[in-house]
Amino acid sequence: MQFLISVIDDGAGRATATEDAAIDAFNTKLQQSGQWVFAGGLGAPGPASVIDNRGDSPIVTDGPFVESKEYLAGFWIITADSHDEAVALATEASKACHRKIEVRPFL
């Protein structure tokens, strides 16, 4: 099964050098175990654009979809045999990046 591990930032900013090293080590562990699919960091939501093209013409608005102090700062896509295994890996991810994490399965 594949899971999305979302990194939730509360405005703490970019990772510190120590966090970067821990994230790199976690990434290496995932790659060596064959559980790595993809990962990436995201910029702050300020320059985001929201596009709604459900009507007659597209509507493009500036700013994030949801106004919040917390935002999606990055993610991992992993493979795991169960939700419990994904949660265990997400627990390690949270420790590595020093951020809250959300785990969701892909359909």
Protein backbone atom coordinates (compact mmCIF):
# COMPACT_ATOMS: atom_id res chain seq x y z
CA MET A 1 0.00 0.00 0.00
CA GLN A 2 1.11 3.56 -0.58
CA PHE A 3 0.74 6.33 1.98
CA LEU A 4 1.12 10.09 1.97
CA ILE A 5 3.04 11.44 4.95
CA SER A 6 2.32 15.17 5.12
CA VAL A 7 4.58 17.56 7.02
CA ILE A 8 2.57 20.23 8.84
CA ASP A 9 4.43 23.47 9.58
CA ASP A 10 3.22 26.14 11.97
CA GLY A 11 5.48 28.86 10.64
CA ALA A 12 8.70 27.53 12.14
CA GLY A 13 10.40 28.13 8.81
CA ARG A 14 12.96 26.07 6.96
CA ALA A 15 14.57 23.09 8.59
CA THR A 16 17.71 23.64 10.62
CA ALA A 17 20.99 21.96 9.67
CA THR A 18 20.36 19.34 12.36
CA GLU A 19 16.85 18.68 11.02
CA ASP A 20 18.18 18.48 7.44
CA ALA A 21 20.70 15.84 8.51
CA ALA A 22 18.00 13.84 10.32
CA ILE A 23 15.68 14.09 7.30
CA ASP A 24 18.49 12.92 5.00
CA ALA A 25 19.12 9.93 7.29
CA PHE A 26 15.40 9.09 7.32
CA ASN A 27 15.27 9.36 3.51
CA THR A 28 18.26 7.02 3.22
CA LYS A 29 16.57 4.51 5.54
CA LEU A 30 13.40 4.57 3.40
CA GLN A 31 15.42 4.15 0.20
CA GLN A 32 17.47 1.26 1.58
CA SER A 33 14.35 -0.53 2.84
CA GLY A 34 12.56 -0.11 -0.50
CA GLN A 35 9.78 1.99 1.06
CA TRP A 36 10.74 5.25 -0.64
CA VAL A 37 8.55 6.40 -3.53
CA PHE A 38 9.02 10.18 -3.58
CA ALA A 39 9.45 13.14 -1.24
CA GLY A 40 9.59 16.88 -1.53
CA GLY A 41 9.49 20.13 0.39
CA LEU A 42 7.09 22.95 -0.41
CA GLY A 43 7.50 26.69 -0.13
CA ALA A 44 5.41 28.81 2.23
CA PRO A 45 1.81 29.27 1.03
CA GLY A 46 2.02 33.04 0.54
CA PRO A 47 2.73 33.01 -3.22
CA ALA A 48 0.25 30.17 -3.90
CA SER A 49 -2.50 30.48 -6.49
CA VAL A 50 -5.89 28.77 -6.37
CA ILE A 51 -7.52 27.91 -9.70
CA ASP A 52 -11.22 27.04 -10.04
CA ASN A 53 -12.19 26.06 -13.58
CA ARG A 54 -15.51 24.37 -12.79
CA GLY A 55 -17.59 27.11 -14.39
CA ASP A 56 -17.66 28.93 -17.71
CA SER A 57 -14.24 30.49 -17.22
CA PRO A 58 -11.36 29.91 -14.81
CA ILE A 59 -11.07 31.92 -11.63
CA VAL A 60 -7.53 32.41 -10.34
CA THR A 61 -7.05 33.85 -6.87
CA ASP A 62 -3.86 34.66 -5.00
CA GLY A 63 -2.97 33.05 -1.74
CA PRO A 64 -3.48 29.68 -0.17
CA PHE A 65 -6.69 27.66 -0.46
CA VAL A 66 -7.22 27.79 3.30
CA GLU A 67 -6.14 30.62 5.59
CA SER A 68 -4.39 28.94 8.49
CA LYS A 69 -1.36 29.25 10.73
CA GLU A 70 -0.48 25.68 9.77
CA TYR A 71 0.28 24.60 6.23
CA LEU A 72 1.64 21.71 4.19
CA ALA A 73 5.41 22.15 4.14
CA GLY A 74 6.46 18.88 2.57
CA PHE A 75 5.60 15.25 2.09
CA TRP A 76 6.79 11.70 1.62
CA ILE A 77 5.09 9.04 -0.45
CA ILE A 78 6.00 5.66 0.98
CA THR A 79 5.05 2.03 0.69
CA ALA A 80 4.10 0.11 3.81
CA ASP A 81 2.38 -3.20 4.48
CA SER A 82 -0.17 -1.65 6.85
CA HIS A 83 -1.46 1.60 8.32
CA ASP A 84 0.32 0.74 11.56
CA GLU A 85 3.64 0.42 9.74
CA ALA A 86 3.01 3.75 7.98
CA VAL A 87 2.25 5.38 11.35
CA ALA A 88 5.49 3.97 12.78
CA LEU A 89 7.45 5.46 9.86
CA ALA A 90 5.58 8.75 10.20
CA THR A 91 6.56 8.83 13.87
CA GLU A 92 10.20 8.68 12.77
CA ALA A 93 9.54 11.37 10.15
CA SER A 94 8.05 13.69 12.77
CA LYS A 95 11.12 13.26 14.96
CA ALA A 96 13.46 13.85 12.01
CA CYS A 97 11.84 17.04 10.71
CA HIS A 98 10.60 18.26 14.12
CA ARG A 99 7.12 18.93 12.74
CA LYS A 100 3.65 17.45 13.11
CA ILE A 101 2.80 14.77 10.57
CA GLU A 102 -0.40 13.44 9.01
CA VAL A 103 -0.61 9.96 7.43
CA ARG A 104 -3.21 9.08 4.79
CA PRO A 105 -3.50 6.06 2.51
CA PHE A 106 -3.81 6.43 -1.24
CA LEU A 107 -6.98 4.94 -2.67
